[in-house]
Amino acid sequence: SLASITAVPVPGHDWHPASTFGPNARPALDVPSAMAMLSDDGLP
């Protein structure tokens, strides 16, 4: 189902980096940054 994967930190915890979610996953600083990176394609 995945059109894209964006990995973000979990506040206050050690978290998995983007590389652990596959070669196409990309990192973002936080959730607002991740949302801003998404294409405007109407997908949920």
Full PDB file with SEQRES, HELIX, SHEET, SSBOND, CRYST1, ORIGX, SCALE, CONECT and MASTER records, all heavy atoms in Angstrom:
SEQRES   1 A   44  SER LEU ALA SER ILE THR ALA VAL PRO VAL PRO GLY HIS          
SEQRES   2 A   44  ASP TRP HIS PRO ALA SER THR PHE GLY PRO ASN ALA ARG          
SEQRES   3 A   44  PRO ALA LEU ASP VAL PRO SER ALA MET ALA MET LEU SER          
SEQRES   4 A   44  ASP ASP GLY LEU PRO                                          
HELIX    1 AA1 ALA A   18  PHE A   21  5                                   4    
HELIX    2 AA2 VAL A   31  MET A   37  1                                   7    
SHEET    1 AA1 2 THR A   6  ALA A   7  0                                        
SHEET    2 AA1 2 ARG A  26  PRO A  27  1                                        
CRYST1    1.000    1.000    1.000  90.00  90.00  90.00 P 1           1          
ORIGX1      1.000000  0.000000  0.000000        0.00000                         
ORIGX2      0.000000  1.000000  0.000000        0.00000                         
ORIGX3      0.000000  0.000000  1.000000        0.00000                         
SCALE1      1.000000  0.000000  0.000000        0.00000                         
SCALE2      0.000000  1.000000  0.000000        0.00000                         
SCALE3      0.000000  0.000000  1.000000        0.00000                         
ATOM      1  N   SER A   1       0.807  -1.225   0.000  1.00  0.00           N  
ATOM      2  CA  SER A   1       0.000   0.000   0.000  1.00  0.00           C  
ATOM      3  C   SER A   1       0.840   1.274   0.000  1.00  0.00           C  
ATOM      4  O   SER A   1       0.301   2.364  -0.204  1.00  0.00           O  
ATOM      5  CB  SER A   1      -0.918   0.016   1.226  1.00  0.00           C  
ATOM      6  OG  SER A   1      -1.821  -1.057   1.216  1.00  0.00           O  
ATOM      7  N   LEU A   2       2.149   1.157   0.215  1.00  0.00           N  
ATOM      8  CA  LEU A   2       2.947   2.337   0.534  1.00  0.00           C  
ATOM      9  C   LEU A   2       3.395   3.114  -0.697  1.00  0.00           C  
ATOM     10  O   LEU A   2       4.129   2.607  -1.548  1.00  0.00           O  
ATOM     11  CB  LEU A   2       4.167   1.928   1.361  1.00  0.00           C  
ATOM     12  CG  LEU A   2       3.843   1.342   2.739  1.00  0.00           C  
ATOM     13  CD1 LEU A   2       5.107   0.917   3.456  1.00  0.00           C  
ATOM     14  CD2 LEU A   2       3.068   2.348   3.578  1.00  0.00           C  
ATOM     15  N   ALA A   3       2.966   4.378  -0.752  1.00  0.00           N  
ATOM     16  CA  ALA A   3       3.450   5.290  -1.791  1.00  0.00           C  
ATOM     17  C   ALA A   3       4.732   5.965  -1.356  1.00  0.00           C  
ATOM     18  O   ALA A   3       5.563   6.335  -2.192  1.00  0.00           O  
ATOM     19  CB  ALA A   3       2.379   6.340  -2.093  1.00  0.00           C  
ATOM     20  N   SER A   4       4.928   6.146  -0.053  1.00  0.00           N  
ATOM     21  CA  SER A   4       6.171   6.715   0.482  1.00  0.00           C  
ATOM     22  C   SER A   4       6.284   6.357   1.960  1.00  0.00           C  
ATOM     23  O   SER A   4       5.277   6.049   2.620  1.00  0.00           O  
ATOM     24  CB  SER A   4       6.205   8.244   0.310  1.00  0.00           C  
ATOM     25  OG  SER A   4       5.291   8.867   1.200  1.00  0.00           O  
ATOM     26  N   ILE A   5       7.529   6.390   2.461  1.00  0.00           N  
ATOM     27  CA  ILE A   5       7.802   6.163   3.886  1.00  0.00           C  
ATOM     28  C   ILE A   5       8.672   7.308   4.374  1.00  0.00           C  
ATOM     29  O   ILE A   5       9.746   7.568   3.825  1.00  0.00           O  
ATOM     30  CB  ILE A   5       8.540   4.835   4.126  1.00  0.00           C  
ATOM     31  CG1 ILE A   5       7.765   3.657   3.542  1.00  0.00           C  
ATOM     32  CG2 ILE A   5       8.781   4.627   5.631  1.00  0.00           C  
ATOM     33  CD1 ILE A   5       8.532   2.340   3.595  1.00  0.00           C  
ATOM     34  N   THR A   6       8.210   7.991   5.404  1.00  0.00           N  
ATOM     35  CA  THR A   6       8.982   9.070   6.016  1.00  0.00           C  
ATOM     36  C   THR A   6       9.143   8.748   7.495  1.00  0.00           C  
ATOM     37  O   THR A   6       8.154   8.552   8.203  1.00  0.00           O  
ATOM     38  CB  THR A   6       8.278  10.428   5.850  1.00  0.00           C  
ATOM     39  OG1 THR A   6       7.966  10.631   4.467  1.00  0.00           O  
ATOM     40  CG2 THR A   6       9.183  11.549   6.326  1.00  0.00           C  
ATOM     41  N   ALA A   7      10.395   8.660   7.954  1.00  0.00           N  
ATOM     42  CA  ALA A   7      10.684   8.289   9.344  1.00  0.00           C  
ATOM     43  C   ALA A   7      10.957   9.530  10.180  1.00  0.00           C  
ATOM     44  O   ALA A   7      11.659  10.453   9.737  1.00  0.00           O  
ATOM     45  CB  ALA A   7      11.884   7.360   9.397  1.00  0.00           C  
ATOM     46  N   VAL A   8      10.376   9.557  11.378  1.00  0.00           N  
ATOM     47  CA  VAL A   8      10.536  10.699  12.282  1.00  0.00           C  
ATOM     48  C   VAL A   8      10.980  10.207  13.651  1.00  0.00           C  
ATOM     49  O   VAL A   8      10.782   9.035  14.008  1.00  0.00           O  
ATOM     50  CB  VAL A   8       9.211  11.477  12.425  1.00  0.00           C  
ATOM     51  CG1 VAL A   8       8.796  12.079  11.091  1.00  0.00           C  
ATOM     52  CG2 VAL A   8       8.106  10.588  12.990  1.00  0.00           C  
ATOM     53  N   PRO A   9      11.588  11.067  14.460  1.00  0.00           N  
ATOM     54  CA  PRO A   9      11.947  10.697  15.833  1.00  0.00           C  
ATOM     55  C   PRO A   9      10.702  10.489  16.695  1.00  0.00           C  
ATOM     56  O   PRO A   9       9.631  11.026  16.409  1.00  0.00           O  
ATOM     57  CB  PRO A   9      12.752  11.906  16.332  1.00  0.00           C  
ATOM     58  CG  PRO A   9      13.140  12.664  15.111  1.00  0.00           C  
ATOM     59  CD  PRO A   9      12.057  12.424  14.107  1.00  0.00           C  
ATOM     60  N   VAL A  10      10.867   9.697  17.751  1.00  0.00           N  
ATOM     61  CA  VAL A  10       9.836   9.563  18.785  1.00  0.00           C  
ATOM     62  C   VAL A  10      10.283  10.427  19.957  1.00  0.00           C  
ATOM     63  O   VAL A  10      11.298  10.125  20.588  1.00  0.00           O  
ATOM     64  CB  VAL A  10       9.659   8.099  19.220  1.00  0.00           C  
ATOM     65  CG1 VAL A  10       8.595   7.999  20.313  1.00  0.00           C  
ATOM     66  CG2 VAL A  10       9.294   7.223  18.028  1.00  0.00           C  
ATOM     67  N   PRO A  11       9.589  11.505  20.257  1.00  0.00           N  
ATOM     68  CA  PRO A  11      10.053  12.441  21.285  1.00  0.00           C  
ATOM     69  C   PRO A  11      10.325  11.758  22.618  1.00  0.00           C  
ATOM     70  O   PRO A  11       9.507  10.988  23.115  1.00  0.00           O  
ATOM     71  CB  PRO A  11       8.884  13.426  21.409  1.00  0.00           C  
ATOM     72  CG  PRO A  11       8.206  13.375  20.073  1.00  0.00           C  
ATOM     73  CD  PRO A  11       8.330  11.952  19.626  1.00  0.00           C  
ATOM     74  N   GLY A  12      11.524  12.033  23.155  1.00  0.00           N  
ATOM     75  CA  GLY A  12      11.866  11.512  24.470  1.00  0.00           C  
ATOM     76  C   GLY A  12      12.375  10.091  24.490  1.00  0.00           C  
ATOM     77  O   GLY A  12      12.591   9.533  25.566  1.00  0.00           O  
ATOM     78  N   HIS A  13      12.577   9.483  23.329  1.00  0.00           N  
ATOM     79  CA  HIS A  13      12.990   8.081  23.268  1.00  0.00           C  
ATOM     80  C   HIS A  13      14.060   7.881  22.196  1.00  0.00           C  
ATOM     81  O   HIS A  13      14.189   8.673  21.264  1.00  0.00           O  
ATOM     82  CB  HIS A  13      11.793   7.180  22.936  1.00  0.00           C  
ATOM     83  CG  HIS A  13      10.729   7.181  23.981  1.00  0.00           C  
ATOM     84  ND1 HIS A  13      10.665   6.249  24.982  1.00  0.00           N  
ATOM     85  CD2 HIS A  13       9.687   8.024  24.185  1.00  0.00           C  
ATOM     86  CE1 HIS A  13       9.629   6.503  25.768  1.00  0.00           C  
ATOM     87  NE2 HIS A  13       9.022   7.573  25.299  1.00  0.00           N  
ATOM     88  N   ASP A  14      14.819   6.798  22.322  1.00  0.00           N  
ATOM     89  CA  ASP A  14      15.683   6.367  21.237  1.00  0.00           C  
ATOM     90  C   ASP A  14      14.810   5.754  20.152  1.00  0.00           C  
ATOM     91  O   ASP A  14      13.901   4.979  20.462  1.00  0.00           O  
ATOM     92  CB  ASP A  14      16.697   5.339  21.737  1.00  0.00           C  
ATOM     93  CG  ASP A  14      17.689   5.920  22.752  1.00  0.00           C  
ATOM     94  OD1 ASP A  14      17.992   7.124  22.624  1.00  0.00           O  
ATOM     95  OD2 ASP A  14      18.128   5.188  23.649  1.00  0.00           O  
ATOM     96  N   TRP A  15      15.066   6.086  18.885  1.00  0.00           N  
ATOM     97  CA  TRP A  15      14.184   5.657  17.820  1.00  0.00           C  
ATOM     98  C   TRP A  15      14.973   5.051  16.660  1.00  0.00           C  
ATOM     99  O   TRP A  15      16.183   5.242  16.524  1.00  0.00           O  
ATOM    100  CB  TRP A  15      13.333   6.825  17.337  1.00  0.00           C  
ATOM    101  CG  TRP A  15      14.114   7.867  16.572  1.00  0.00           C  
ATOM    102  CD1 TRP A  15      14.341   7.913  15.230  1.00  0.00           C  
ATOM    103  CD2 TRP A  15      14.784   9.011  17.121  1.00  0.00           C  
ATOM    104  NE1 TRP A  15      15.097   9.000  14.900  1.00  0.00           N  
ATOM    105  CE2 TRP A  15      15.387   9.698  16.037  1.00  0.00           C  
ATOM    106  CE3 TRP A  15      14.921   9.526  18.416  1.00  0.00           C  
ATOM    107  CZ2 TRP A  15      16.117  10.874  16.218  1.00  0.00           C  
ATOM    108  CZ3 TRP A  15      15.656  10.682  18.583  1.00  0.00           C  
ATOM    109  CH2 TRP A  15      16.243  11.347  17.509  1.00  0.00           C  
ATOM    110  N   HIS A  16      14.242   4.330  15.815  1.00  0.00           N  
ATOM    111  CA  HIS A  16      14.840   3.742  14.622  1.00  0.00           C  
ATOM    112  C   HIS A  16      15.083   4.825  13.562  1.00  0.00           C  
ATOM    113  O   HIS A  16      14.171   5.600  13.255  1.00  0.00           O  
ATOM    114  CB  HIS A  16      13.913   2.677  14.018  1.00  0.00           C  
ATOM    115  CG  HIS A  16      13.968   1.364  14.720  1.00  0.00           C  
ATOM    116  ND1 HIS A  16      15.063   0.530  14.656  1.00  0.00           N  
ATOM    117  CD2 HIS A  16      13.060   0.727  15.494  1.00  0.00           C  
ATOM    118  CE1 HIS A  16      14.829  -0.568  15.356  1.00  0.00           C  
ATOM    119  NE2 HIS A  16      13.618  -0.463  15.886  1.00  0.00           N  
ATOM    120  N   PRO A  17      16.287   4.868  12.949  1.00  0.00           N  
ATOM    121  CA  PRO A  17      16.524   5.809  11.848  1.00  0.00           C  
ATOM    122  C   PRO A  17      15.813   5.354  10.579  1.00  0.00           C  
ATOM    123  O   PRO A  17      15.362   4.207  10.475  1.00  0.00           O  
ATOM    124  CB  PRO A  17      18.041   5.765  11.681  1.00  0.00           C  
ATOM    125  CG  PRO A  17      18.422   4.393  12.131  1.00  0.00           C  
ATOM    126  CD  PRO A  17      17.475   4.065  13.263  1.00  0.00           C  
ATOM    127  N   ALA A  18      15.754   6.241   9.602  1.00  0.00           N  
ATOM    128  CA  ALA A  18      15.037   5.947   8.358  1.00  0.00           C  
ATOM    129  C   ALA A  18      15.574   4.698   7.672  1.00  0.00           C  
ATOM    130  O   ALA A  18      14.802   3.939   7.072  1.00  0.00           O  
ATOM    131  CB  ALA A  18      15.110   7.148   7.421  1.00  0.00           C  
ATOM    132  N   SER A  19      16.864   4.464   7.750  1.00  0.00           N  
ATOM    133  CA  SER A  19      17.471   3.329   7.036  1.00  0.00           C  
ATOM    134  C   SER A  19      16.894   1.987   7.453  1.00  0.00           C  
ATOM    135  O   SER A  19      16.918   1.027   6.669  1.00  0.00           O  
ATOM    136  CB  SER A  19      18.983   3.331   7.248  1.00  0.00           C  
ATOM    137  OG  SER A  19      19.287   3.229   8.632  1.00  0.00           O  
ATOM    138  N   THR A  20      16.356   1.887   8.659  1.00  0.00           N  
ATOM    139  CA  THR A  20      15.813   0.606   9.120  1.00  0.00           C  
ATOM    140  C   THR A  20      14.444   0.305   8.527  1.00  0.00           C  
ATOM    141  O   THR A  20      13.949  -0.810   8.650  1.00  0.00           O  
ATOM    142  CB  THR A  20      15.696   0.575  10.666  1.00  0.00           C  
ATOM    143  OG1 THR A  20      14.815   1.611  11.094  1.00  0.00           O  
ATOM    144  CG2 THR A  20      17.060   0.760  11.309  1.00  0.00           C  
ATOM    145  N   PHE A  21      13.836   1.286   7.866  1.00  0.00           N  
ATOM    146  CA  PHE A  21      12.522   1.084   7.269  1.00  0.00           C  
ATOM    147  C   PHE A  21      12.591   0.803   5.770  1.00  0.00           C  
ATOM    148  O   PHE A  21      11.570   0.781   5.088  1.00  0.00           O  
ATOM    149  CB  PHE A  21      11.626   2.303   7.528  1.00  0.00           C  
ATOM    150  CG  PHE A  21      11.366   2.551   8.990  1.00  0.00           C  
ATOM    151  CD1 PHE A  21      12.007   3.580   9.656  1.00  0.00           C  
ATOM    152  CD2 PHE A  21      10.501   1.735   9.703  1.00  0.00           C  
ATOM    153  CE1 PHE A  21      11.783   3.815  11.012  1.00  0.00           C  
ATOM    154  CE2 PHE A  21      10.264   1.956  11.054  1.00  0.00           C  
ATOM    155  CZ  PHE A  21      10.910   2.990  11.713  1.00  0.00           C  
ATOM    156  N   GLY A  22      13.785   0.577   5.272  1.00  0.00           N  
ATOM    157  CA  GLY A  22      13.936   0.221   3.865  1.00  0.00           C  
ATOM    158  C   GLY A  22      14.685   1.265   3.073  1.00  0.00           C  
ATOM    159  O   GLY A  22      14.828   2.424   3.505  1.00  0.00           O  
ATOM    160  N   PRO A  23      15.178   0.910   1.881  1.00  0.00           N  
ATOM    161  CA  PRO A  23      16.019   1.817   1.083  1.00  0.00           C  
ATOM    162  C   PRO A  23      15.300   3.058   0.580  1.00  0.00           C  
ATOM    163  O   PRO A  23      15.945   4.065   0.257  1.00  0.00           O  
ATOM    164  CB  PRO A  23      16.470   0.932  -0.087  1.00  0.00           C  
ATOM    165  CG  PRO A  23      15.435  -0.152  -0.170  1.00  0.00           C  
ATOM    166  CD  PRO A  23      15.008  -0.409   1.235  1.00  0.00           C  
ATOM    167  N   ASN A  24      13.990   3.018   0.496  1.00  0.00           N  
ATOM    168  CA  ASN A  24      13.239   4.165  -0.017  1.00  0.00           C  
ATOM    169  C   ASN A  24      12.721   5.086   1.081  1.00  0.00           C  
ATOM    170  O   ASN A  24      12.074   6.095   0.786  1.00  0.00           O  
ATOM    171  CB  ASN A  24      12.070   3.682  -0.875  1.00  0.00           C  
ATOM    172  CG  ASN A  24      12.542   2.918  -2.099  1.00  0.00           C  
ATOM    173  OD1 ASN A  24      13.540   3.282  -2.720  1.00  0.00           O  
ATOM    174  ND2 ASN A  24      11.824   1.851  -2.446  1.00  0.00           N  
ATOM    175  N   ALA A  25      12.969   4.733   2.340  1.00  0.00           N  
ATOM    176  CA  ALA A  25      12.503   5.580   3.439  1.00  0.00           C  
ATOM    177  C   ALA A  25      13.393   6.809   3.564  1.00  0.00           C  
ATOM    178  O   ALA A  25      14.605   6.741   3.383  1.00  0.00           O  
ATOM    179  CB  ALA A  25      12.502   4.794   4.742  1.00  0.00           C  
ATOM    180  N   ARG A  26      12.785   7.925   3.890  1.00  0.00           N  
ATOM    181  CA  ARG A  26      13.525   9.177   4.035  1.00  0.00           C  
ATOM    182  C   ARG A  26      13.306   9.741   5.434  1.00  0.00           C  
ATOM    183  O   ARG A  26      12.257   9.498   6.048  1.00  0.00           O  
ATOM    184  CB  ARG A  26      13.064  10.178   2.979  1.00  0.00           C  
ATOM    185  CG  ARG A  26      11.571  10.459   3.058  1.00  0.00           C  
ATOM    186  CD  ARG A  26      11.055  11.234   1.874  1.00  0.00           C  
ATOM    187  NE  ARG A  26       9.609  11.442   1.968  1.00  0.00           N  
ATOM    188  CZ  ARG A  26       8.892  12.085   1.064  1.00  0.00           C  
ATOM    189  NH1 ARG A  26       9.489  12.588  -0.015  1.00  0.00           N  
ATOM    190  NH2 ARG A  26       7.587  12.235   1.229  1.00  0.00           N  
ATOM    191  N   PRO A  27      14.261  10.485   5.960  1.00  0.00           N  
ATOM    192  CA  PRO A  27      14.105  11.038   7.305  1.00  0.00           C  
ATOM    193  C   PRO A  27      13.447  12.412   7.296  1.00  0.00           C  
ATOM    194  O   PRO A  27      13.497  13.136   6.301  1.00  0.00           O  
ATOM    195  CB  PRO A  27      15.559  11.142   7.785  1.00  0.00           C  
ATOM    196  CG  PRO A  27      16.328  11.433   6.526  1.00  0.00           C  
ATOM    197  CD  PRO A  27      15.611  10.682   5.428  1.00  0.00           C  
ATOM    198  N   ALA A  28      12.825  12.747   8.413  1.00  0.00           N  
ATOM    199  CA  ALA A  28      12.310  14.097   8.646  1.00  0.00           C  
ATOM    200  C   ALA A  28      12.599  14.466  10.092  1.00  0.00           C  
ATOM    201  O   ALA A  28      12.711  13.587  10.963  1.00  0.00           O  
ATOM    202  CB  ALA A  28      10.820  14.179   8.353  1.00  0.00           C  
ATOM    203  N   LEU A  29      12.713  15.749  10.354  1.00  0.00           N  
ATOM    204  CA  LEU A  29      13.054  16.204  11.701  1.00  0.00           C  
ATOM    205  C   LEU A  29      11.938  15.940  12.698  1.00  0.00           C  
ATOM    206  O   LEU A  29      12.176  15.666  13.867  1.00  0.00           O  
ATOM    207  CB  LEU A  29      13.377  17.702  11.683  1.00  0.00           C  
ATOM    208  CG  LEU A  29      14.663  18.108  10.953  1.00  0.00           C  
ATOM    209  CD1 LEU A  29      14.783  19.627  10.926  1.00  0.00           C  
ATOM    210  CD2 LEU A  29      15.877  17.496  11.638  1.00  0.00           C  
ATOM    211  N   ASP A  30      10.690  16.024  12.228  1.00  0.00           N  
ATOM    212  CA  ASP A  30       9.535  15.839  13.089  1.00  0.00           C  
ATOM    213  C   ASP A  30       8.305  15.613  12.205  1.00  0.00           C  
ATOM    214  O   ASP A  30       8.399  15.617  10.972  1.00  0.00           O  
ATOM    215  CB  ASP A  30       9.328  17.033  14.025  1.00  0.00           C  
ATOM    216  CG  ASP A  30       9.327  18.372  13.289  1.00  0.00           C  
ATOM    217  OD1 ASP A  30       8.922  18.405  12.099  1.00  0.00           O  
ATOM    218  OD2 ASP A  30       9.719  19.379  13.891  1.00  0.00           O  
ATOM    219  N   VAL A  31       7.153  15.419  12.830  1.00  0.00           N  
ATOM    220  CA  VAL A  31       5.952  15.123  12.054  1.00  0.00           C  
ATOM    221  C   VAL A  31       5.528  16.293  11.168  1.00  0.00           C  
ATOM    222  O   VAL A  31       5.188  16.078   9.997  1.00  0.00           O  
ATOM    223  CB  VAL A  31       4.805  14.673  12.985  1.00  0.00           C  
ATOM    224  CG1 VAL A  31       3.522  14.469  12.183  1.00  0.00           C  
ATOM    225  CG2 VAL A  31       5.175  13.379  13.695  1.00  0.00           C  
ATOM    226  N   PRO A  32       5.516  17.545  11.659  1.00  0.00           N  
ATOM    227  CA  PRO A  32       5.161  18.640  10.744  1.00  0.00           C  
ATOM    228  C   PRO A  32       6.070  18.698   9.517  1.00  0.00           C  
ATOM    229  O   PRO A  32       5.594  18.945   8.397  1.00  0.00           O  
ATOM    230  CB  PRO A  32       5.308  19.890  11.615  1.00  0.00           C  
ATOM    231  CG  PRO A  32       5.041  19.400  13.000  1.00  0.00           C  
ATOM    232  CD  PRO A  32       5.673  18.038  13.046  1.00  0.00           C  
ATOM    233  N   SER A  33       7.369  18.463   9.713  1.00  0.00           N  
ATOM    234  CA  SER A  33       8.293  18.455   8.576  1.00  0.00           C  
ATOM    235  C   SER A  33       7.955  17.318   7.628  1.00  0.00           C  
ATOM    236  O   SER A  33       7.993  17.486   6.394  1.00  0.00           O  
ATOM    237  CB  SER A  33       9.736  18.310   9.066  1.00  0.00           C  
ATOM    238  OG  SER A  33      10.101  19.367   9.910  1.00  0.00           O  
ATOM    239  N   ALA A  34       7.621  16.150   8.186  1.00  0.00           N  
ATOM    240  CA  ALA A  34       7.258  15.003   7.348  1.00  0.00           C  
ATOM    241  C   ALA A  34       6.009  15.298   6.538  1.00  0.00           C  
ATOM    242  O   ALA A  34       5.939  14.973   5.346  1.00  0.00           O  
ATOM    243  CB  ALA A  34       7.048  13.769   8.224  1.00  0.00           C  
ATOM    244  N   MET A  35       5.017  15.922   7.149  1.00  0.00           N  
ATOM    245  CA  MET A  35       3.787  16.249   6.432  1.00  0.00           C  
ATOM    246  C   MET A  35       4.065  17.230   5.294  1.00  0.00           C  
ATOM    247  O   MET A  35       3.493  17.128   4.205  1.00  0.00           O  
ATOM    248  CB  MET A  35       2.761  16.835   7.396  1.00  0.00           C  
ATOM    249  CG  MET A  35       2.249  15.854   8.454  1.00  0.00           C  
ATOM    250  SD  MET A  35       1.244  14.519   7.760  1.00  0.00           S  
ATOM    251  CE  MET A  35      -0.199  15.437   7.209  1.00  0.00           C  
ATOM    252  N   ALA A  36       4.974  18.179   5.529  1.00  0.00           N  
ATOM    253  CA  ALA A  36       5.297  19.167   4.502  1.00  0.00           C  
ATOM    254  C   ALA A  36       6.029  18.543   3.321  1.00  0.00           C  
ATOM    255  O   ALA A  36       5.970  19.064   2.197  1.00  0.00           O  
ATOM    256  CB  ALA A  36       6.142  20.282   5.106  1.00  0.00           C  
ATOM    257  N   MET A  37       6.705  17.407   3.552  1.00  0.00           N  
ATOM    258  CA  MET A  37       7.460  16.746   2.495  1.00  0.00           C  
ATOM    259  C   MET A  37       6.583  15.903   1.574  1.00  0.00           C  
ATOM    260  O   MET A  37       7.011  15.509   0.488  1.00  0.00           O  
ATOM    261  CB  MET A  37       8.540  15.844   3.114  1.00  0.00           C  
ATOM    262  CG  MET A  37       9.649  16.611   3.812  1.00  0.00           C  
ATOM    263  SD  MET A  37      10.673  15.534   4.876  1.00  0.00           S  
ATOM    264  CE  MET A  37      11.333  14.374   3.680  1.00  0.00           C  
ATOM    265  N   LEU A  38       5.367  15.600   1.979  1.00  0.00           N  
ATOM    266  CA  LEU A  38       4.521  14.701   1.201  1.00  0.00           C  
ATOM    267  C   LEU A  38       3.998  15.388  -0.053  1.00  0.00           C  
ATOM    268  O   LEU A  38       3.653  16.569  -0.036  1.00  0.00           O  
ATOM    269  CB  LEU A  38       3.345  14.213   2.057  1.00  0.00           C  
ATOM    270  CG  LEU A  38       3.700  13.415   3.307  1.00  0.00           C  
ATOM    271  CD1 LEU A  38       2.433  13.036   4.067  1.00  0.00           C  
ATOM    272  CD2 LEU A  38       4.504  12.174   2.960  1.00  0.00           C  
ATOM    273  N   SER A  39       3.913  14.626  -1.124  1.00  0.00           N  
ATOM    274  CA  SER A  39       3.379  15.170  -2.372  1.00  0.00           C  
ATOM    275  C   SER A  39       1.882  15.452  -2.221  1.00  0.00           C  
ATOM    276  O   SER A  39       1.176  14.770  -1.481  1.00  0.00           O  
ATOM    277  CB  SER A  39       3.612  14.197  -3.523  1.00  0.00           C  
ATOM    278  OG  SER A  39       2.979  12.950  -3.268  1.00  0.00           O  
ATOM    279  N   ASP A  40       1.419  16.444  -2.945  1.00  0.00           N  
ATOM    280  CA  ASP A  40       0.011  16.844  -2.878  1.00  0.00           C  
ATOM    281  C   ASP A  40      -0.787  16.023  -3.896  1.00  0.00           C  
ATOM    282  O   ASP A  40      -1.276  16.545  -4.896  1.00  0.00           O  
ATOM    283  CB  ASP A  40      -0.115  18.341  -3.162  1.00  0.00           C  
ATOM    284  CG  ASP A  40      -1.518  18.859  -2.943  1.00  0.00           C  
ATOM    285  OD1 ASP A  40      -2.312  18.153  -2.282  1.00  0.00           O  
ATOM    286  OD2 ASP A  40      -1.823  19.959  -3.443  1.00  0.00           O  
ATOM    287  N   ASP A  41      -0.912  14.717  -3.609  1.00  0.00           N  
ATOM    288  CA  ASP A  41      -1.535  13.804  -4.574  1.00  0.00           C  
ATOM    289  C   ASP A  41      -2.895  13.295  -4.122  1.00  0.00           C  
ATOM    290  O   ASP A  41      -3.510  12.460  -4.778  1.00  0.00           O  
ATOM    291  CB  ASP A  41      -0.615  12.620  -4.863  1.00  0.00           C  
ATOM    292  CG  ASP A  41      -0.182  11.892  -3.582  1.00  0.00           C  
ATOM    293  OD1 ASP A  41      -0.758  12.176  -2.514  1.00  0.00           O  
ATOM    294  OD2 ASP A  41       0.736  11.056  -3.657  1.00  0.00           O  
ATOM    295  N   GLY A  42      -3.351  13.776  -2.970  1.00  0.00           N  
ATOM    296  CA  GLY A  42      -4.671  13.380  -2.493  1.00  0.00           C  
ATOM    297  C   GLY A  42      -4.721  12.044  -1.786  1.00  0.00           C  
ATOM    298  O   GLY A  42      -5.791  11.638  -1.291  1.00  0.00           O  
ATOM    299  N   LEU A  43      -3.581  11.326  -1.704  1.00  0.00           N  
ATOM    300  CA  LEU A  43      -3.577  10.044  -1.012  1.00  0.00           C  
ATOM    301  C   LEU A  43      -3.656  10.262   0.493  1.00  0.00           C  
ATOM    302  O   LEU A  43      -3.123  11.245   1.024  1.00  0.00           O  
ATOM    303  CB  LEU A  43      -2.311   9.256  -1.346  1.00  0.00           C  
ATOM    304  CG  LEU A  43      -2.162   8.739  -2.772  1.00  0.00           C  
ATOM    305  CD1 LEU A  43      -0.828   8.008  -2.937  1.00  0.00           C  
ATOM    306  CD2 LEU A  43      -3.321   7.818  -3.141  1.00  0.00           C  
ATOM    307  N   PRO A  44      -4.297   9.341   1.209  1.00  0.00           N  
ATOM    308  CA  PRO A  44      -4.339   9.460   2.671  1.00  0.00           C  
ATOM    309  C   PRO A  44      -2.967   9.264   3.284  1.00  0.00           C  
ATOM    310  O   PRO A  44      -2.062   8.699   2.662  1.00  0.00           O  
ATOM    311  CB  PRO A  44      -5.311   8.354   3.100  1.00  0.00           C  
ATOM    312  CG  PRO A  44      -5.293   7.379   1.977  1.00  0.00           C  
ATOM    313  CD  PRO A  44      -5.045   8.162   0.729  1.00  0.00           C  
TER     314      PRO A  44                                                      
MASTER        0    0    0    2    2    0    0    6  313    1    0    4          
END                                                                             
